[in-house]
């Protein structure tokens, strides 16, 4: 099903791989760790292998993220992580990289649409990202892993964000880089847009049922503000 832009009344964004370039951050960190083993890779470049490995690990990573939610212990784990972060502020602090053009994109889009974030990150984690780039004022709702009874891939966070914005879920579009984002949006009855700047690949996003696929998240403003 193709995107029907005339029905879009609100836009919901994933964070990692969509608004934040965390995937490349993880790959660069891993490349630094295994630099002494670069002689094992063609042209002594481990980056292609690490990118492939991260994409291959997408499903297990998503399982690891959602398993505590399925088991009903996610609140306890988040509380433990916050406790550890409070006692190790220097080690726990995370520095984010913003996807190219995202700041300009959200400033353009919010002139016509209410915007929200839907992420499996903790409330503290997503607020740290928004605060780093002063993006908070652009989003009228922020659905973290603890905002709804269940997190992605359940439809709960999309339904929660839609209700908070006062827009029917059917008139929202969920934007994300993985099949989990697409399935979450579709299960809530929203339209979906996949982006190729994160972990997801075109074929799997199409198979999951994305209404539209874009090369970059920032391209969304040109699509919806024509």
N, C-alpha and C. Protein backbone atom coordinates (compact mmCIF):
# COMPACT_ATOMS: atom_id res chain seq x y z
N UNK A 1 0.85 -1.19 0.00
CA UNK A 1 0.00 0.00 0.00
C UNK A 1 0.88 1.24 0.00
N UNK A 2 0.64 2.15 -0.91
CA UNK A 2 1.45 3.36 -1.02
C UNK A 2 0.98 4.40 -0.02
N UNK A 3 1.91 5.29 0.33
CA UNK A 3 1.60 6.34 1.28
C UNK A 3 0.53 7.27 0.72
N UNK A 4 -0.50 7.53 1.52
CA UNK A 4 -1.52 8.50 1.17
C UNK A 4 -1.27 9.75 2.02
N UNK A 5 -0.49 10.67 1.46
CA UNK A 5 -0.07 11.86 2.22
C UNK A 5 -1.26 12.71 2.65
N UNK A 6 -2.37 12.63 1.91
CA UNK A 6 -3.53 13.44 2.25
C UNK A 6 -4.16 13.02 3.58
N UNK A 7 -3.87 11.79 4.03
CA UNK A 7 -4.45 11.28 5.28
C UNK A 7 -3.55 11.52 6.49
N UNK A 8 -2.34 12.02 6.26
CA UNK A 8 -1.38 12.19 7.36
C UNK A 8 -1.71 13.46 8.14
N UNK A 9 -1.94 13.28 9.45
CA UNK A 9 -2.21 14.40 10.34
C UNK A 9 -1.18 14.53 11.46
N UNK A 10 -0.32 13.51 11.61
CA UNK A 10 0.72 13.55 12.63
C UNK A 10 1.84 12.59 12.23
N UNK A 11 3.05 12.88 12.70
CA UNK A 11 4.22 12.08 12.33
C UNK A 11 4.91 11.59 13.60
N UNK A 12 5.21 10.28 13.62
CA UNK A 12 5.87 9.65 14.76
C UNK A 12 7.23 9.13 14.31
N UNK A 13 8.28 9.42 15.07
CA UNK A 13 9.64 9.06 14.68
C UNK A 13 10.28 8.09 15.67
N UNK A 14 10.92 7.05 15.13
CA UNK A 14 11.87 6.26 15.90
C UNK A 14 13.10 7.13 16.14
N UNK A 15 13.97 6.71 17.07
CA UNK A 15 15.19 7.47 17.36
C UNK A 15 16.41 6.84 16.70
N UNK A 16 16.83 5.67 17.18
CA UNK A 16 18.09 5.07 16.72
C UNK A 16 18.00 4.63 15.27
N UNK A 17 18.90 5.17 14.45
CA UNK A 17 18.91 4.85 13.03
C UNK A 17 17.95 5.69 12.21
N UNK A 18 17.19 6.55 12.90
CA UNK A 18 16.19 7.38 12.22
C UNK A 18 16.46 8.86 12.47
N UNK A 19 16.45 9.26 13.73
CA UNK A 19 16.82 10.62 14.10
C UNK A 19 18.27 10.70 14.55
N UNK A 20 18.74 9.64 15.22
CA UNK A 20 20.12 9.58 15.71
C UNK A 20 20.92 8.57 14.91
N UNK A 21 22.15 8.93 14.57
CA UNK A 21 23.01 8.05 13.77
C UNK A 21 23.79 7.11 14.68
N UNK A 22 23.07 6.38 15.52
CA UNK A 22 23.72 5.50 16.49
C UNK A 22 24.34 4.27 15.85
N UNK A 23 23.79 3.81 14.72
CA UNK A 23 24.33 2.61 14.09
C UNK A 23 25.78 2.83 13.66
N UNK A 24 26.05 3.95 13.01
CA UNK A 24 27.43 4.24 12.60
C UNK A 24 28.33 4.44 13.81
N UNK A 25 27.77 4.99 14.90
CA UNK A 25 28.56 5.14 16.12
C UNK A 25 29.01 3.78 16.64
N UNK A 26 28.08 2.82 16.68
CA UNK A 26 28.42 1.48 17.18
C UNK A 26 29.49 0.84 16.30
N UNK A 27 29.36 1.01 14.98
CA UNK A 27 30.32 0.41 14.06
C UNK A 27 31.70 1.03 14.24
N UNK A 28 31.76 2.35 14.39
CA UNK A 28 33.04 3.02 14.57
C UNK A 28 33.71 2.62 15.87
N UNK A 29 32.92 2.45 16.95
CA UNK A 29 33.48 2.01 18.22
C UNK A 29 34.05 0.59 18.09
N UNK A 30 33.28 -0.28 17.43
CA UNK A 30 33.76 -1.66 17.24
C UNK A 30 35.02 -1.69 16.39
N UNK A 31 35.07 -0.83 15.37
CA UNK A 31 36.25 -0.79 14.50
C UNK A 31 37.50 -0.39 15.28
N UNK A 32 37.34 0.54 16.22
CA UNK A 32 38.49 0.95 17.04
C UNK A 32 38.95 -0.20 17.94
N UNK A 33 38.00 -0.96 18.45
CA UNK A 33 38.34 -2.06 19.35
C UNK A 33 39.12 -3.17 18.65
N UNK A 34 38.75 -3.44 17.38
CA UNK A 34 39.40 -4.56 16.68
C UNK A 34 40.47 -4.09 15.70
N UNK A 35 40.90 -2.86 15.83
CA UNK A 35 41.91 -2.32 14.91
C UNK A 35 43.17 -3.18 14.83
N UNK A 36 43.63 -3.78 15.94
CA UNK A 36 44.83 -4.64 15.83
C UNK A 36 44.62 -5.86 14.93
N UNK A 37 43.36 -6.19 14.61
CA UNK A 37 43.07 -7.34 13.76
C UNK A 37 42.73 -6.95 12.32
N UNK A 38 43.00 -5.71 11.96
CA UNK A 38 42.64 -5.23 10.62
C UNK A 38 43.32 -6.02 9.51
N UNK A 39 44.44 -6.66 9.81
CA UNK A 39 45.15 -7.43 8.78
C UNK A 39 44.31 -8.60 8.28
N UNK A 40 43.26 -8.96 9.01
CA UNK A 40 42.40 -10.08 8.61
C UNK A 40 41.38 -9.68 7.54
N UNK A 41 41.19 -8.38 7.31
CA UNK A 41 40.13 -7.91 6.42
C UNK A 41 40.71 -7.38 5.10
N UNK A 42 39.94 -7.50 4.01
CA UNK A 42 40.39 -6.95 2.73
C UNK A 42 40.71 -5.47 2.86
N UNK A 43 41.85 -5.08 2.29
CA UNK A 43 42.30 -3.69 2.32
C UNK A 43 42.42 -3.17 3.76
N UNK A 44 42.57 -4.10 4.73
CA UNK A 44 42.72 -3.75 6.14
C UNK A 44 41.58 -2.85 6.63
N UNK A 45 40.39 -3.07 6.09
CA UNK A 45 39.22 -2.25 6.44
C UNK A 45 38.15 -3.16 7.03
N UNK A 46 37.90 -3.03 8.33
CA UNK A 46 36.90 -3.87 8.99
C UNK A 46 35.48 -3.32 8.90
N UNK A 47 35.32 -2.09 8.41
CA UNK A 47 34.01 -1.44 8.42
C UNK A 47 32.94 -2.20 7.65
N UNK A 48 33.20 -2.68 6.42
CA UNK A 48 32.15 -3.43 5.70
C UNK A 48 31.69 -4.66 6.47
N UNK A 49 32.63 -5.39 7.06
CA UNK A 49 32.26 -6.57 7.83
C UNK A 49 31.42 -6.19 9.05
N UNK A 50 31.81 -5.14 9.75
CA UNK A 50 31.10 -4.74 10.95
C UNK A 50 29.69 -4.25 10.62
N UNK A 51 29.54 -3.56 9.50
CA UNK A 51 28.20 -3.12 9.10
C UNK A 51 27.33 -4.33 8.79
N UNK A 52 27.89 -5.31 8.08
CA UNK A 52 27.13 -6.53 7.79
C UNK A 52 26.75 -7.24 9.09
N UNK A 53 27.69 -7.33 10.02
CA UNK A 53 27.44 -8.04 11.28
C UNK A 53 26.34 -7.35 12.08
N UNK A 54 26.34 -6.02 12.09
CA UNK A 54 25.32 -5.30 12.84
C UNK A 54 23.95 -5.51 12.22
N UNK A 55 23.88 -5.49 10.89
CA UNK A 55 22.60 -5.74 10.22
C UNK A 55 22.11 -7.16 10.48
N UNK A 56 23.06 -8.12 10.47
CA UNK A 56 22.69 -9.51 10.71
C UNK A 56 22.20 -9.71 12.14
N UNK A 57 22.68 -8.86 13.03
CA UNK A 57 22.31 -8.99 14.45
C UNK A 57 21.04 -8.23 14.79
N UNK A 58 20.40 -7.62 13.80
CA UNK A 58 19.22 -6.79 14.09
C UNK A 58 18.15 -7.56 14.85
N UNK A 59 17.81 -8.76 14.36
CA UNK A 59 16.74 -9.54 15.01
C UNK A 59 17.11 -9.92 16.45
N UNK A 60 18.31 -10.49 16.69
CA UNK A 60 18.67 -10.79 18.08
C UNK A 60 18.71 -9.55 18.97
N UNK A 61 19.16 -8.42 18.42
CA UNK A 61 19.20 -7.19 19.22
C UNK A 61 17.79 -6.77 19.61
N UNK A 62 16.87 -6.81 18.63
CA UNK A 62 15.49 -6.45 18.92
C UNK A 62 14.88 -7.39 19.96
N UNK A 63 15.22 -8.67 19.87
CA UNK A 63 14.73 -9.64 20.85
C UNK A 63 15.26 -9.30 22.24
N UNK A 64 16.54 -8.96 22.32
CA UNK A 64 17.14 -8.63 23.62
C UNK A 64 16.49 -7.38 24.22
N UNK A 65 16.13 -6.42 23.37
CA UNK A 65 15.52 -5.18 23.85
C UNK A 65 14.10 -5.42 24.35
N UNK A 66 13.34 -6.27 23.64
CA UNK A 66 11.94 -6.46 23.98
C UNK A 66 11.69 -7.59 24.98
N UNK A 67 12.67 -8.47 25.19
CA UNK A 67 12.47 -9.59 26.10
C UNK A 67 12.08 -9.16 27.51
N UNK A 68 12.75 -8.17 28.11
CA UNK A 68 12.33 -7.74 29.46
C UNK A 68 10.89 -7.27 29.49
N UNK A 69 10.44 -6.62 28.39
CA UNK A 69 9.05 -6.16 28.32
C UNK A 69 8.10 -7.36 28.31
N UNK A 70 8.42 -8.38 27.52
CA UNK A 70 7.59 -9.58 27.46
C UNK A 70 7.54 -10.29 28.80
N UNK A 71 8.65 -10.25 29.54
CA UNK A 71 8.72 -10.93 30.82
C UNK A 71 8.16 -10.09 31.97
N UNK A 72 7.86 -8.82 31.68
CA UNK A 72 7.29 -7.95 32.69
C UNK A 72 8.29 -7.43 33.70
N UNK A 73 9.57 -7.38 33.32
CA UNK A 73 10.60 -6.90 34.25
C UNK A 73 11.32 -5.67 33.70
N UNK A 74 10.75 -5.03 32.69
CA UNK A 74 11.43 -3.90 32.06
C UNK A 74 11.57 -2.71 33.01
N UNK A 75 10.56 -2.45 33.84
CA UNK A 75 10.66 -1.32 34.77
C UNK A 75 11.79 -1.53 35.77
N UNK A 76 11.93 -2.77 36.24
CA UNK A 76 12.99 -3.08 37.19
C UNK A 76 14.37 -2.92 36.56
N UNK A 77 14.51 -3.35 35.30
CA UNK A 77 15.79 -3.23 34.61
C UNK A 77 16.15 -1.77 34.38
N UNK A 78 15.15 -0.96 33.97
CA UNK A 78 15.40 0.46 33.76
C UNK A 78 15.81 1.13 35.07
N UNK A 79 15.14 0.77 36.16
CA UNK A 79 15.49 1.33 37.47
C UNK A 79 16.93 0.98 37.85
N UNK A 80 17.33 -0.26 37.55
CA UNK A 80 18.70 -0.69 37.84
C UNK A 80 19.70 0.09 36.98
N UNK A 81 19.38 0.27 35.70
CA UNK A 81 20.27 1.01 34.80
C UNK A 81 20.39 2.47 35.25
N UNK A 82 19.27 3.07 35.68
CA UNK A 82 19.32 4.45 36.16
C UNK A 82 20.15 4.55 37.44
N UNK A 83 20.00 3.55 38.31
CA UNK A 83 20.81 3.53 39.54
C UNK A 83 22.29 3.48 39.20
N UNK A 84 22.66 2.63 38.24
CA UNK A 84 24.06 2.51 37.85
C UNK A 84 24.55 3.81 37.21
N UNK A 85 23.72 4.41 36.37
CA UNK A 85 24.11 5.66 35.70
C UNK A 85 24.33 6.79 36.70
N UNK A 86 23.48 6.84 37.73
CA UNK A 86 23.62 7.89 38.74
C UNK A 86 24.94 7.76 39.50
N UNK A 87 25.44 6.55 39.62
CA UNK A 87 26.67 6.31 40.36
C UNK A 87 27.91 6.30 39.47
N UNK A 88 27.69 6.27 38.18
CA UNK A 88 28.81 6.29 37.22
C UNK A 88 28.51 7.28 36.10
N UNK A 89 28.33 8.56 36.43
CA UNK A 89 27.88 9.53 35.42
C UNK A 89 28.83 9.68 34.24
N UNK A 90 30.11 9.60 34.48
CA UNK A 90 31.06 9.78 33.38
C UNK A 90 31.03 8.61 32.40
N UNK A 91 30.90 7.40 32.93
CA UNK A 91 30.87 6.21 32.08
C UNK A 91 29.52 6.04 31.40
N UNK A 92 28.44 6.50 32.07
CA UNK A 92 27.10 6.27 31.55
C UNK A 92 26.68 7.31 30.51
N UNK A 93 27.30 8.47 30.53
CA UNK A 93 26.90 9.53 29.61
C UNK A 93 27.08 9.09 28.16
N UNK A 94 26.07 9.32 27.35
CA UNK A 94 26.11 8.92 25.94
C UNK A 94 26.09 10.14 25.05
N UNK A 95 26.99 10.17 24.09
CA UNK A 95 27.04 11.28 23.14
C UNK A 95 26.42 10.81 21.83
N UNK A 96 25.42 11.55 21.36
CA UNK A 96 24.68 11.16 20.17
C UNK A 96 25.18 11.93 18.94
N UNK A 97 24.93 11.34 17.78
CA UNK A 97 25.18 12.01 16.51
C UNK A 97 23.83 12.15 15.81
N UNK A 98 23.51 13.36 15.41
CA UNK A 98 22.23 13.63 14.75
C UNK A 98 22.31 13.26 13.27
N UNK A 99 21.28 12.59 12.78
CA UNK A 99 21.21 12.31 11.35
C UNK A 99 21.24 13.63 10.56
N UNK A 100 21.91 13.63 9.45
CA UNK A 100 22.06 14.84 8.65
C UNK A 100 20.69 15.42 8.28
N UNK A 101 20.52 16.71 8.55
CA UNK A 101 19.33 17.42 8.12
C UNK A 101 18.11 17.25 8.99
N UNK A 102 18.19 16.44 10.06
CA UNK A 102 17.02 16.17 10.88
C UNK A 102 16.53 17.41 11.62
N UNK A 103 17.45 18.24 12.12
CA UNK A 103 17.04 19.44 12.85
C UNK A 103 16.24 20.38 11.95
N UNK A 104 16.70 20.56 10.73
CA UNK A 104 15.98 21.43 9.79
C UNK A 104 14.65 20.79 9.40
N UNK A 105 14.63 19.47 9.24
CA UNK A 105 13.42 18.76 8.85
C UNK A 105 12.31 18.92 9.87
N UNK A 106 12.63 18.68 11.17
CA UNK A 106 11.57 18.76 12.18
C UNK A 106 11.05 20.19 12.32
N UNK A 107 11.93 21.17 12.13
CA UNK A 107 11.49 22.56 12.20
C UNK A 107 10.50 22.87 11.08
N UNK A 108 10.72 22.30 9.90
CA UNK A 108 9.79 22.49 8.78
C UNK A 108 8.48 21.74 9.00
N UNK A 109 8.59 20.49 9.42
CA UNK A 109 7.40 19.65 9.54
C UNK A 109 6.45 20.12 10.64
N UNK A 110 6.99 20.64 11.73
CA UNK A 110 6.11 21.02 12.84
C UNK A 110 5.24 22.23 12.52
N UNK A 111 5.53 22.92 11.42
CA UNK A 111 4.67 24.03 11.03
C UNK A 111 3.33 23.52 10.50
N UNK A 112 3.26 22.23 10.14
CA UNK A 112 2.01 21.66 9.61
C UNK A 112 1.51 20.47 10.42
N UNK A 113 2.41 19.71 11.04
CA UNK A 113 2.02 18.47 11.72
C UNK A 113 2.48 18.46 13.17
N UNK A 114 1.68 17.88 14.07
CA UNK A 114 2.21 17.57 15.40
C UNK A 114 3.17 16.38 15.28
N UNK A 115 4.29 16.44 16.00
CA UNK A 115 5.32 15.41 15.92
C UNK A 115 5.45 14.68 17.26
N UNK A 116 5.85 13.40 17.16
CA UNK A 116 6.07 12.61 18.37
C UNK A 116 7.25 11.68 18.15
N UNK A 117 7.82 11.23 19.24
CA UNK A 117 8.88 10.22 19.22
C UNK A 117 8.30 8.92 19.76
N UNK A 118 8.60 7.81 19.09
CA UNK A 118 8.22 6.48 19.57
C UNK A 118 9.48 5.61 19.57
N UNK A 119 9.98 5.28 20.74
CA UNK A 119 11.25 4.59 20.84
C UNK A 119 11.21 3.51 21.92
N UNK A 120 12.08 2.53 21.79
CA UNK A 120 12.24 1.50 22.83
C UNK A 120 13.29 1.92 23.85
N UNK A 121 13.84 3.12 23.70
CA UNK A 121 14.79 3.63 24.70
C UNK A 121 14.04 3.99 25.99
N UNK A 122 14.78 4.05 27.07
CA UNK A 122 14.21 4.50 28.34
C UNK A 122 13.88 5.99 28.26
N UNK A 123 13.06 6.45 29.17
CA UNK A 123 12.71 7.87 29.21
C UNK A 123 13.95 8.73 29.37
N UNK A 124 14.86 8.29 30.24
CA UNK A 124 16.09 9.05 30.46
C UNK A 124 16.93 9.09 29.19
N UNK A 125 17.02 7.95 28.49
CA UNK A 125 17.83 7.88 27.28
C UNK A 125 17.31 8.77 26.17
N UNK A 126 16.00 8.73 25.93
CA UNK A 126 15.46 9.55 24.84
C UNK A 126 15.52 11.03 25.19
N UNK A 127 15.32 11.37 26.46
CA UNK A 127 15.43 12.78 26.86
C UNK A 127 16.86 13.29 26.73
N UNK A 128 17.84 12.42 26.98
CA UNK A 128 19.24 12.83 26.80
C UNK A 128 19.51 13.18 25.35
N UNK A 129 18.95 12.39 24.42
CA UNK A 129 19.12 12.68 23.00
C UNK A 129 18.45 14.00 22.62
N UNK A 130 17.20 14.17 23.04
CA UNK A 130 16.47 15.38 22.68
C UNK A 130 17.13 16.62 23.28
N UNK A 131 17.62 16.50 24.52
CA UNK A 131 18.25 17.65 25.17
C UNK A 131 19.57 18.02 24.50
N UNK A 132 20.33 17.02 24.04
CA UNK A 132 21.63 17.32 23.43
C UNK A 132 21.49 18.24 22.23
N UNK A 133 20.41 18.07 21.48
CA UNK A 133 20.23 18.87 20.25
C UNK A 133 19.07 19.86 20.37
N UNK A 134 18.57 20.07 21.57
CA UNK A 134 17.47 21.02 21.83
C UNK A 134 16.26 20.72 20.93
N UNK A 135 15.96 19.43 20.76
CA UNK A 135 14.85 19.02 19.90
C UNK A 135 13.54 18.86 20.66
N UNK A 136 13.59 18.81 21.99
CA UNK A 136 12.40 18.56 22.77
C UNK A 136 11.20 19.42 22.41
N UNK A 137 11.37 20.74 22.24
CA UNK A 137 10.21 21.59 21.94
C UNK A 137 9.51 21.26 20.62
N UNK A 138 10.17 20.54 19.73
CA UNK A 138 9.54 20.20 18.45
C UNK A 138 8.55 19.05 18.58
N UNK A 139 8.64 18.25 19.66
CA UNK A 139 7.82 17.04 19.79
C UNK A 139 6.78 17.22 20.90
N UNK A 140 5.53 17.01 20.53
CA UNK A 140 4.43 17.18 21.48
C UNK A 140 4.21 15.93 22.33
N UNK A 141 4.76 14.81 21.93
CA UNK A 141 4.64 13.58 22.71
C UNK A 141 5.92 12.77 22.55
N UNK A 142 6.34 12.13 23.63
CA UNK A 142 7.53 11.27 23.60
C UNK A 142 7.16 9.94 24.25
N UNK A 143 7.04 8.90 23.44
CA UNK A 143 6.72 7.56 23.92
C UNK A 143 8.03 6.79 24.11
N UNK A 144 8.42 6.61 25.36
CA UNK A 144 9.61 5.81 25.67
C UNK A 144 9.18 4.37 25.90
N UNK A 145 10.13 3.54 26.32
CA UNK A 145 9.81 2.13 26.56
C UNK A 145 8.84 1.95 27.72
N UNK A 146 8.72 2.97 28.59
CA UNK A 146 7.86 2.85 29.76
C UNK A 146 6.55 3.64 29.65
N UNK A 147 6.30 4.27 28.51
CA UNK A 147 5.12 5.13 28.40
C UNK A 147 3.82 4.34 28.29
N UNK A 148 3.87 3.18 27.64
CA UNK A 148 2.68 2.37 27.40
C UNK A 148 2.87 1.00 28.06
N UNK A 149 1.81 0.20 28.18
CA UNK A 149 1.95 -1.12 28.81
C UNK A 149 3.02 -1.99 28.17
N UNK A 150 3.16 -1.90 26.85
CA UNK A 150 4.19 -2.66 26.15
C UNK A 150 4.90 -1.75 25.16
N UNK A 151 6.14 -2.05 24.85
CA UNK A 151 6.90 -1.27 23.87
C UNK A 151 6.87 -1.95 22.51
N UNK A 152 7.57 -1.38 21.54
CA UNK A 152 7.65 -2.01 20.22
C UNK A 152 8.18 -3.44 20.35
N UNK A 153 7.67 -4.40 19.57
CA UNK A 153 6.83 -4.25 18.37
C UNK A 153 5.33 -4.25 18.63
N UNK A 154 4.90 -4.18 19.89
CA UNK A 154 3.48 -4.02 20.18
C UNK A 154 3.02 -2.66 19.65
N UNK A 155 1.73 -2.52 19.34
CA UNK A 155 1.22 -1.24 18.85
C UNK A 155 1.04 -0.20 19.94
N UNK A 156 1.18 -0.60 21.21
CA UNK A 156 0.85 0.29 22.33
C UNK A 156 1.49 1.67 22.27
N UNK A 157 2.81 1.79 22.00
CA UNK A 157 3.40 3.14 22.03
C UNK A 157 2.88 4.04 20.92
N UNK A 158 2.56 3.46 19.76
CA UNK A 158 1.99 4.27 18.68
C UNK A 158 0.59 4.74 19.07
N UNK A 159 -0.20 3.83 19.64
CA UNK A 159 -1.55 4.20 20.08
C UNK A 159 -1.49 5.25 21.19
N UNK A 160 -0.51 5.11 22.09
CA UNK A 160 -0.36 6.09 23.17
C UNK A 160 0.02 7.45 22.60
N UNK A 161 0.96 7.48 21.67
CA UNK A 161 1.39 8.75 21.07
C UNK A 161 0.24 9.41 20.31
N UNK A 162 -0.51 8.60 19.56
CA UNK A 162 -1.64 9.14 18.80
C UNK A 162 -2.68 9.75 19.73
N UNK A 163 -2.98 9.04 20.82
CA UNK A 163 -3.96 9.56 21.78
C UNK A 163 -3.45 10.85 22.43
N UNK A 164 -2.17 10.88 22.77
CA UNK A 164 -1.59 12.08 23.38
C UNK A 164 -1.67 13.27 22.44
N UNK A 165 -1.45 13.02 21.15
CA UNK A 165 -1.52 14.09 20.16
C UNK A 165 -2.95 14.46 19.79
N UNK A 166 -3.91 13.60 20.14
CA UNK A 166 -5.30 13.85 19.78
C UNK A 166 -5.59 13.58 18.32
N UNK A 167 -4.85 12.62 17.74
CA UNK A 167 -5.00 12.27 16.32
C UNK A 167 -5.27 10.77 16.21
N UNK A 168 -6.24 10.34 15.40
CA UNK A 168 -6.47 8.90 15.23
C UNK A 168 -5.22 8.22 14.71
N UNK A 169 -4.95 7.01 15.19
CA UNK A 169 -3.75 6.29 14.75
C UNK A 169 -3.73 6.12 13.24
N UNK A 170 -4.90 5.97 12.64
CA UNK A 170 -4.99 5.79 11.18
C UNK A 170 -4.51 7.02 10.43
N UNK A 171 -4.47 8.16 11.10
CA UNK A 171 -4.01 9.40 10.47
C UNK A 171 -2.59 9.78 10.89
N UNK A 172 -1.90 8.82 11.51
CA UNK A 172 -0.49 9.01 11.85
C UNK A 172 0.38 8.23 10.86
N UNK A 173 1.63 8.65 10.74
CA UNK A 173 2.61 7.87 9.98
C UNK A 173 3.80 7.61 10.89
N UNK A 174 4.19 6.34 10.98
CA UNK A 174 5.33 5.93 11.80
C UNK A 174 6.56 5.85 10.91
N UNK A 175 7.63 6.54 11.29
CA UNK A 175 8.86 6.61 10.50
C UNK A 175 9.98 5.90 11.26
N UNK A 176 10.60 4.89 10.63
CA UNK A 176 11.67 4.18 11.30
C UNK A 176 12.55 3.43 10.33
N UNK A 177 13.66 2.90 10.85
CA UNK A 177 14.66 2.26 9.98
C UNK A 177 14.63 0.74 10.02
N UNK A 178 13.78 0.13 10.86
CA UNK A 178 13.77 -1.33 10.96
C UNK A 178 12.37 -1.89 10.74
N UNK A 179 12.33 -3.20 10.54
CA UNK A 179 11.04 -3.87 10.36
C UNK A 179 10.20 -3.76 11.63
N UNK A 180 10.84 -3.68 12.79
CA UNK A 180 10.09 -3.52 14.03
C UNK A 180 9.28 -2.23 14.01
N UNK A 181 9.86 -1.15 13.51
CA UNK A 181 9.14 0.13 13.42
C UNK A 181 7.96 0.01 12.47
N UNK A 182 8.17 -0.65 11.34
CA UNK A 182 7.10 -0.81 10.36
C UNK A 182 5.98 -1.66 10.93
N UNK A 183 6.32 -2.78 11.55
CA UNK A 183 5.30 -3.66 12.12
C UNK A 183 4.54 -2.98 13.25
N UNK A 184 5.25 -2.21 14.07
CA UNK A 184 4.60 -1.49 15.16
C UNK A 184 3.55 -0.52 14.63
N UNK A 185 3.94 0.25 13.61
CA UNK A 185 3.01 1.20 13.02
C UNK A 185 1.81 0.52 12.39
N UNK A 186 2.05 -0.53 11.63
CA UNK A 186 0.97 -1.23 10.94
C UNK A 186 0.00 -1.87 11.94
N UNK A 187 0.53 -2.46 13.01
CA UNK A 187 -0.34 -3.09 14.01
C UNK A 187 -1.23 -2.08 14.71
N UNK A 188 -0.80 -0.82 14.74
CA UNK A 188 -1.61 0.24 15.34
C UNK A 188 -2.57 0.85 14.34
N UNK A 189 -2.47 0.45 13.07
CA UNK A 189 -3.34 0.99 12.04
C UNK A 189 -2.81 2.25 11.38
N UNK A 190 -1.53 2.59 11.63
CA UNK A 190 -0.92 3.79 11.04
C UNK A 190 -0.28 3.47 9.70
N UNK A 191 -0.03 4.49 8.91
CA UNK A 191 0.80 4.34 7.73
C UNK A 191 2.26 4.30 8.20
N UNK A 192 3.13 3.80 7.34
CA UNK A 192 4.53 3.63 7.76
C UNK A 192 5.49 4.07 6.67
N UNK A 193 6.63 4.60 7.10
CA UNK A 193 7.70 5.01 6.19
C UNK A 193 9.01 4.42 6.70
N UNK A 194 9.70 3.70 5.84
CA UNK A 194 11.01 3.17 6.18
C UNK A 194 12.11 4.07 5.67
N UNK A 195 13.20 4.17 6.42
CA UNK A 195 14.36 4.95 5.99
C UNK A 195 15.58 4.05 5.94
N UNK A 196 16.45 4.31 4.98
CA UNK A 196 17.61 3.44 4.73
C UNK A 196 18.90 3.95 5.35
N UNK A 197 18.80 4.90 6.27
CA UNK A 197 20.00 5.46 6.91
C UNK A 197 20.36 4.72 8.19
N UNK A 198 19.59 3.67 8.53
CA UNK A 198 19.88 2.89 9.73
C UNK A 198 20.17 1.45 9.40
N UNK A 199 19.64 0.53 10.20
CA UNK A 199 19.94 -0.88 10.03
C UNK A 199 19.15 -1.55 8.92
N UNK A 200 17.94 -1.09 8.66
CA UNK A 200 17.06 -1.77 7.72
C UNK A 200 17.51 -1.69 6.28
N UNK A 201 17.18 -2.72 5.51
CA UNK A 201 17.45 -2.75 4.08
C UNK A 201 16.14 -2.67 3.31
N UNK A 202 16.23 -2.19 2.09
CA UNK A 202 15.02 -1.92 1.31
C UNK A 202 14.11 -3.16 1.20
N UNK A 203 14.70 -4.30 0.88
CA UNK A 203 13.90 -5.50 0.68
C UNK A 203 13.10 -5.89 1.90
N UNK A 204 13.72 -5.85 3.07
CA UNK A 204 13.01 -6.27 4.27
C UNK A 204 11.97 -5.24 4.71
N UNK A 205 12.25 -3.97 4.47
CA UNK A 205 11.27 -2.94 4.80
C UNK A 205 10.06 -3.03 3.88
N UNK A 206 10.31 -3.31 2.61
CA UNK A 206 9.20 -3.52 1.67
C UNK A 206 8.38 -4.73 2.07
N UNK A 207 9.06 -5.82 2.43
CA UNK A 207 8.37 -7.05 2.82
C UNK A 207 7.53 -6.83 4.08
N UNK A 208 8.01 -5.98 4.98
CA UNK A 208 7.26 -5.69 6.21
C UNK A 208 6.03 -4.85 5.93
N UNK A 209 5.98 -4.22 4.75
CA UNK A 209 4.79 -3.46 4.37
C UNK A 209 4.90 -1.97 4.47
N UNK A 210 6.12 -1.42 4.42
CA UNK A 210 6.28 0.04 4.49
C UNK A 210 5.53 0.72 3.35
N UNK A 211 4.81 1.78 3.67
CA UNK A 211 4.04 2.51 2.66
C UNK A 211 4.95 3.29 1.72
N UNK A 212 6.15 3.66 2.21
CA UNK A 212 7.12 4.43 1.42
C UNK A 212 8.49 4.18 2.02
N UNK A 213 9.52 4.21 1.18
CA UNK A 213 10.89 4.05 1.66
C UNK A 213 11.72 5.23 1.16
N UNK A 214 12.45 5.86 2.07
CA UNK A 214 13.28 7.02 1.76
C UNK A 214 14.74 6.70 2.05
N UNK A 215 15.64 7.32 1.30
CA UNK A 215 17.06 7.14 1.54
C UNK A 215 17.48 7.76 2.87
N UNK A 216 16.94 8.94 3.17
CA UNK A 216 17.31 9.67 4.39
C UNK A 216 16.05 10.14 5.11
N UNK A 217 16.12 10.19 6.43
CA UNK A 217 14.99 10.71 7.20
C UNK A 217 14.67 12.14 6.80
N UNK A 218 15.70 12.93 6.56
CA UNK A 218 15.49 14.35 6.25
C UNK A 218 14.70 14.57 4.97
N UNK A 219 14.63 13.55 4.10
CA UNK A 219 13.87 13.67 2.86
C UNK A 219 12.37 13.75 3.10
N UNK A 220 11.92 13.41 4.31
CA UNK A 220 10.48 13.37 4.59
C UNK A 220 9.82 14.72 4.42
N UNK A 221 10.52 15.79 4.78
CA UNK A 221 9.92 17.12 4.67
C UNK A 221 9.56 17.44 3.22
N UNK A 222 10.41 17.07 2.30
CA UNK A 222 10.13 17.34 0.88
C UNK A 222 8.95 16.51 0.39
N UNK A 223 8.76 15.31 0.96
CA UNK A 223 7.65 14.45 0.54
C UNK A 223 6.30 15.00 1.03
N UNK A 224 6.27 15.43 2.29
CA UNK A 224 4.99 15.82 2.90
C UNK A 224 4.68 17.31 2.77
N UNK A 225 5.63 18.13 2.41
CA UNK A 225 5.39 19.57 2.32
C UNK A 225 5.41 20.08 0.89
N UNK A 226 5.04 19.21 -0.03
CA UNK A 226 5.01 19.62 -1.44
C UNK A 226 3.90 20.64 -1.67
